[in-house]
Every structure is written in C-alpha cells, then in structure tokens.
Amino acid sequence: MADLPGARMIDDGRTAREIFDEVMANPARKKFGFGQRLAIVNVDFQQAYTRIDKFATAYETDPRQIEYANTISALARAKRMPVIWTHVAYKDDAGDAGVWGTRTNTPDSLQNIRYDSERHAFDDRCDIAPDDLTYTKRMPSAFFETPLASYLVWHKVDTVVVTGGSTSGCVRATAVDSLSHGYRTIVPIETCADKHASYHFTSLTDLQLKYADVEPVQAVIDWLEACPDA
C-alpha cells in the first residue's frame, strides 16, 4: 500500500522566535477578527508573577506589559465593555489546589500562594476600576469553575481579549477555553509574558495557528478607539 501523504515532524534548527516571526509575516494568515463587543480578561497580574524584584516565580517579557493592559482596559471601560482581572491563591492546607499542587512543595510553589498574601495581591501598577470583575481562580484557565462564562453571556460579549501570564500557561489555557466557548479570541503580543523566550514564542505561534488571533496591542487599541460609544 502506498504511503499516505503527510510529513514527518520538522526539526530544522530554527528558534521559536524565528518560527513565530515567519507565521506572523504570512500574508495569507487567516483571522477570526473582532466581533461587536469585547471583554478584556487580564490573567494573573499578581505579585507572584509580576514582581521580578521580589519573587523568584515572577517574569518579565515586555517591560510595558502592564501599561498596555491598563490602556486597553481603560478604552474598553470607556466603551462600556467589561474588564476582568484574575489571580490565583489557595487555602492554608492547599487542599483546593488538587493534583496541580503536588509536584513540588517549596515556599515558591504554586499551591503555597495563600489568600490575601503578597503573592496573591494584584500588582499595584494595575489600574483596576471598582466595577471591574475580579476573582481568584485555582486552575490555569480563567474559565474553569469561575463566574467568567456567565459574566460574558450577561454582557453580550462575542470577542475575548486575553492578556497576562504566563503565555504558555494560564494565558494559553484561557485562550483555548475562550475559543471552546465560541468566542473570537485575541491575544495582544505585548501584553503577555513568560519565563523563557522559547515558551513564550512557541505558545504564541500555537495560539495563532489554532485558537486565537495573535496581534500587536495596537490592533486592539485601534479597534476600541474606532468603536462607537455605547
């Protein structure tokens, strides 16, 4: 029987950044596009992951990441579109972390982020408005066992913009769940961060090829500025 058409796994020595740049430069790149009404979902801008001066678990990719997230959040609010901020924490015995909290047990471990601790606290550079939805999640996706899905339905959202960290972890999980819930999903490049360039750019490439529109943050800014006032 003749071999079926296909391809072996490619291993050509290119870096994750090089592959990402090639994918983004493709003029035939298909997009889901924006719908009529978006929500900004800012994932885990908490000190455990943003304060590189204080915590070993923190990381920084674009130094203006939080500034960009604040900018698009403010524009969304001005158009009466919802803004959401999540963070992660667990109770004192970490019993709500499940199997995710069993791989390590050090002061830096995920399951040792306690409610109302410094690591749980939102970074004070985040401009969180009183009417923004904020909540603590326990698993990677901002959708899993949280109020997010029903909140988006109530606000008649059709497009979800996902920012935060890590790109390869909670951002990616949230973006995949967003698509799975039927939302057009946008991931602004400059608003995401990860520990290593390889994780970051590999995840952005995977998201762009399958689950989301990976775009410069300016694309979100331009869309919001052009959107009619509610």
Protein backbone atom coordinates (compact mmCIF):
# COMPACT_ATOMS: atom_id res chain seq x y z
CA MET A 1 0.00 0.00 0.00
CA ALA A 2 1.34 3.44 -0.89
CA ASP A 3 2.34 5.75 1.92
CA LEU A 4 -0.35 8.22 2.88
CA PRO A 5 0.50 11.88 2.29
CA GLY A 6 1.83 13.72 5.29
CA ALA A 7 5.04 14.93 6.84
CA ARG A 8 7.46 13.92 9.49
CA MET A 9 7.95 16.28 12.42
CA ILE A 10 10.10 19.21 11.34
CA ASP A 11 13.35 19.87 13.16
CA ASP A 12 15.23 22.46 11.13
CA GLY A 13 17.14 24.34 13.81
CA ARG A 14 15.03 27.49 13.76
CA THR A 15 14.34 29.21 17.06
CA ALA A 16 10.84 29.63 18.43
CA ARG A 17 11.10 33.37 17.72
CA GLU A 18 12.07 32.74 14.10
CA ILE A 19 9.11 30.42 13.56
CA PHE A 20 6.76 32.92 15.21
CA ASP A 21 8.01 35.77 13.02
CA GLU A 22 7.55 33.63 9.91
CA VAL A 23 3.99 32.70 10.85
CA MET A 24 3.07 36.31 11.62
CA ALA A 25 4.59 37.54 8.35
CA ASN A 26 2.49 35.17 6.24
CA PRO A 27 0.22 37.39 4.10
CA ALA A 28 -2.35 34.59 3.88
CA ARG A 29 -2.71 34.42 7.66
CA LYS A 30 -6.40 33.87 8.43
CA LYS A 31 -8.09 35.76 11.28
CA PHE A 32 -11.19 35.26 13.38
CA GLY A 33 -11.41 39.03 13.66
CA PHE A 34 -13.26 41.23 16.12
CA GLY A 35 -16.98 40.93 16.64
CA GLN A 36 -19.28 43.61 18.02
CA ARG A 37 -18.48 43.65 21.72
CA LEU A 38 -15.37 42.51 23.56
CA ALA A 39 -14.18 41.84 27.08
CA ILE A 40 -10.65 42.27 28.37
CA VAL A 41 -9.57 39.31 30.50
CA ASN A 42 -6.37 40.18 32.38
CA VAL A 43 -4.94 36.92 33.68
CA ASP A 44 -2.93 36.76 36.91
CA PHE A 45 -1.30 40.17 37.12
CA GLN A 46 -0.39 39.33 40.70
CA GLN A 47 2.86 39.96 42.50
CA ALA A 48 3.92 36.31 42.46
CA TYR A 49 4.24 36.59 38.69
CA THR A 50 4.97 40.27 38.02
CA ARG A 51 7.30 41.49 40.77
CA ILE A 52 10.68 40.36 39.47
CA ASP A 53 12.30 42.41 42.23
CA LYS A 54 10.62 40.32 44.96
CA PHE A 55 9.69 36.80 43.82
CA ALA A 56 11.61 34.05 42.04
CA THR A 57 8.38 32.97 40.32
CA ALA A 58 7.96 36.33 38.58
CA TYR A 59 8.94 37.06 34.98
CA GLU A 60 9.01 39.97 32.55
CA THR A 61 8.92 39.96 28.76
CA ASP A 62 7.84 43.41 27.60
CA PRO A 63 8.53 45.95 30.37
CA ARG A 64 5.42 47.89 29.29
CA GLN A 65 3.14 44.84 29.63
CA ILE A 66 1.03 46.19 32.49
CA GLU A 67 0.88 49.65 30.92
CA TYR A 68 -0.55 48.13 27.73
CA ALA A 69 -3.09 46.06 29.69
CA ASN A 70 -4.15 49.20 31.55
CA THR A 71 -4.52 51.10 28.28
CA ILE A 72 -6.83 48.62 26.58
CA SER A 73 -8.76 48.08 29.81
CA ALA A 74 -9.41 51.82 30.10
CA LEU A 75 -10.53 52.02 26.48
CA ALA A 76 -12.89 49.06 26.97
CA ARG A 77 -14.42 50.68 30.08
CA ALA A 78 -14.93 53.91 28.17
CA LYS A 79 -16.97 51.93 25.63
CA ARG A 80 -18.92 50.20 28.46
CA MET A 81 -17.33 46.86 27.74
CA PRO A 82 -16.35 44.55 30.61
CA VAL A 83 -12.89 44.25 32.14
CA ILE A 84 -11.92 41.23 34.20
CA TRP A 85 -8.85 40.57 36.39
CA THR A 86 -7.97 37.15 37.78
CA HIS A 87 -5.42 35.96 40.29
CA VAL A 88 -4.54 32.64 41.91
CA ALA A 89 -4.47 31.55 45.55
CA TYR A 90 -5.27 28.59 47.79
CA LYS A 91 -6.39 27.93 51.32
CA ASP A 92 -3.86 27.21 54.06
CA ASP A 93 -3.70 23.45 53.56
CA ALA A 94 -3.66 23.82 49.74
CA GLY A 95 -6.43 21.25 49.56
CA ASP A 96 -8.13 23.22 46.79
CA ALA A 97 -5.06 23.06 44.53
CA GLY A 98 -5.76 19.44 43.65
CA VAL A 99 -3.18 17.35 41.84
CA TRP A 100 -1.73 20.55 40.34
CA GLY A 101 -0.29 21.32 43.76
CA THR A 102 1.56 18.04 44.24
CA ARG A 103 4.67 18.28 42.06
CA THR A 104 6.70 20.48 44.41
CA ASN A 105 6.32 21.85 47.91
CA THR A 106 8.59 24.84 48.46
CA PRO A 107 7.83 28.41 49.57
CA ASP A 108 7.72 29.32 45.84
CA SER A 109 5.33 26.53 44.85
CA LEU A 110 2.01 27.41 43.24
CA GLN A 111 -0.12 25.84 45.98
CA ASN A 112 1.67 27.93 48.60
CA ILE A 113 0.18 31.17 47.30
CA ARG A 114 -2.14 31.96 50.19
CA TYR A 115 -5.25 34.12 50.13
CA ASP A 116 -4.52 37.78 50.95
CA SER A 117 -0.76 37.21 50.83
CA GLU A 118 1.76 39.39 49.00
CA ARG A 119 1.99 36.78 46.25
CA HIS A 120 -1.80 36.77 45.82
CA ALA A 121 -2.09 40.56 45.67
CA PHE A 122 -2.57 42.28 42.34
CA ASP A 123 0.43 44.29 41.21
CA ASP A 124 -0.20 47.86 42.32
CA ARG A 125 0.68 49.07 38.82
CA CYS A 126 -2.61 47.58 37.60
CA ASP A 127 -5.39 50.15 37.18
CA ILE A 128 -8.34 48.13 38.47
CA ALA A 129 -11.63 50.04 38.50
CA PRO A 130 -14.35 49.48 41.10
CA ASP A 131 -16.74 47.97 38.54
CA ASP A 132 -14.18 45.57 37.04
CA LEU A 133 -14.82 41.93 37.83
CA THR A 134 -12.04 40.47 39.99
CA TYR A 135 -11.85 36.93 41.29
CA THR A 136 -9.48 34.20 42.45
CA LYS A 137 -9.13 31.13 40.25
CA ARG A 138 -7.49 27.83 41.12
CA MET A 139 -6.67 26.26 37.77
CA PRO A 140 -4.93 27.57 34.63
CA SER A 141 -7.95 28.76 32.68
CA ALA A 142 -9.83 31.87 33.74
CA PHE A 143 -12.98 29.97 32.71
CA PHE A 144 -12.59 26.83 34.82
CA GLU A 145 -15.09 26.80 37.72
CA THR A 146 -15.28 30.62 37.76
CA PRO A 147 -18.03 33.20 37.06
CA LEU A 148 -16.43 34.23 33.77
CA ALA A 149 -18.61 32.32 31.28
CA SER A 150 -21.91 33.57 32.67
CA TYR A 151 -20.50 37.10 33.07
CA LEU A 152 -19.58 37.25 29.38
CA VAL A 153 -23.02 35.96 28.37
CA TRP A 154 -24.75 38.59 30.51
CA HIS A 155 -22.64 41.34 28.92
CA LYS A 156 -23.37 40.04 25.39
CA VAL A 157 -19.69 39.61 24.60
CA ASP A 158 -18.60 37.92 21.37
CA THR A 159 -14.87 38.65 21.50
CA VAL A 160 -12.41 37.96 24.33
CA VAL A 161 -9.04 39.70 24.57
CA VAL A 162 -6.66 37.72 26.79
CA THR A 163 -3.65 39.35 28.44
CA GLY A 164 -1.33 38.35 31.29
CA GLY A 165 0.86 35.42 32.17
CA SER A 166 2.19 33.05 31.64
CA THR A 167 1.83 32.89 27.87
CA SER A 168 2.45 29.15 27.89
CA GLY A 169 0.28 28.51 30.93
CA CYS A 170 -2.76 30.45 32.05
CA VAL A 171 -2.96 32.74 29.01
CA ARG A 172 -2.88 29.81 26.62
CA ALA A 173 -5.37 27.81 28.72
CA THR A 174 -7.74 30.77 28.87
CA ALA A 175 -7.47 31.44 25.15
CA VAL A 176 -8.20 27.79 24.28
CA ASP A 177 -11.22 27.79 26.60
CA SER A 178 -12.38 31.09 25.13
CA LEU A 179 -12.44 29.61 21.64
CA SER A 180 -14.07 26.46 23.01
CA HIS A 181 -16.87 28.63 24.44
CA GLY A 182 -17.43 30.13 20.99
CA TYR A 183 -15.67 33.46 21.38
CA ARG A 184 -13.48 35.22 18.87
CA THR A 185 -10.23 35.35 20.80
CA ILE A 186 -7.48 37.96 20.58
CA VAL A 187 -4.08 37.72 22.30
CA PRO A 188 -2.14 41.01 22.15
CA ILE A 189 1.56 40.18 21.90
CA GLU A 190 2.98 42.88 24.16
CA THR A 191 0.53 42.15 26.97
CA CYS A 192 1.77 38.59 27.59
CA ALA A 193 4.84 37.37 29.46
CA ASP A 194 6.66 34.15 30.24
CA LYS A 195 9.81 32.82 31.87
CA HIS A 196 11.63 31.91 28.67
CA ALA A 197 11.51 33.18 25.09
CA SER A 198 11.07 29.64 23.82
CA TYR A 199 7.92 29.03 25.89
CA HIS A 200 6.56 32.47 25.01
CA PHE A 201 7.01 32.38 21.24
CA THR A 202 6.13 28.71 20.85
CA SER A 203 2.83 29.35 22.64
CA LEU A 204 2.06 32.48 20.62
CA THR A 205 2.72 30.52 17.43
CA ASP A 206 0.45 27.67 18.53
CA LEU A 207 -2.30 30.11 19.53
CA GLN A 208 -2.07 31.94 16.22
CA LEU A 209 -2.18 28.75 14.15
CA LYS A 210 -5.13 27.22 16.01
CA TYR A 211 -7.00 29.13 18.68
CA ALA A 212 -6.69 32.92 18.53
CA ASP A 213 -5.67 35.99 16.61
CA VAL A 214 -2.25 36.94 17.96
CA GLU A 215 -1.95 40.64 17.23
CA PRO A 216 0.06 43.71 18.22
CA VAL A 217 -1.66 45.50 21.06
CA GLN A 218 -2.14 48.47 18.73
CA ALA A 219 -4.71 46.43 16.80
CA VAL A 220 -6.88 46.25 19.94
CA ILE A 221 -6.32 49.94 20.67
CA ASP A 222 -7.31 50.90 17.12
CA TRP A 223 -10.47 48.77 17.21
CA LEU A 224 -11.59 50.19 20.54
CA GLU A 225 -10.90 53.77 19.53
CA ALA A 226 -12.91 53.29 16.35
CA CYS A 227 -15.78 51.56 18.13
CA PRO A 228 -18.90 53.74 18.56
CA ASP A 229 -19.72 54.82 22.09
CA ALA A 230 -22.26 52.58 23.79
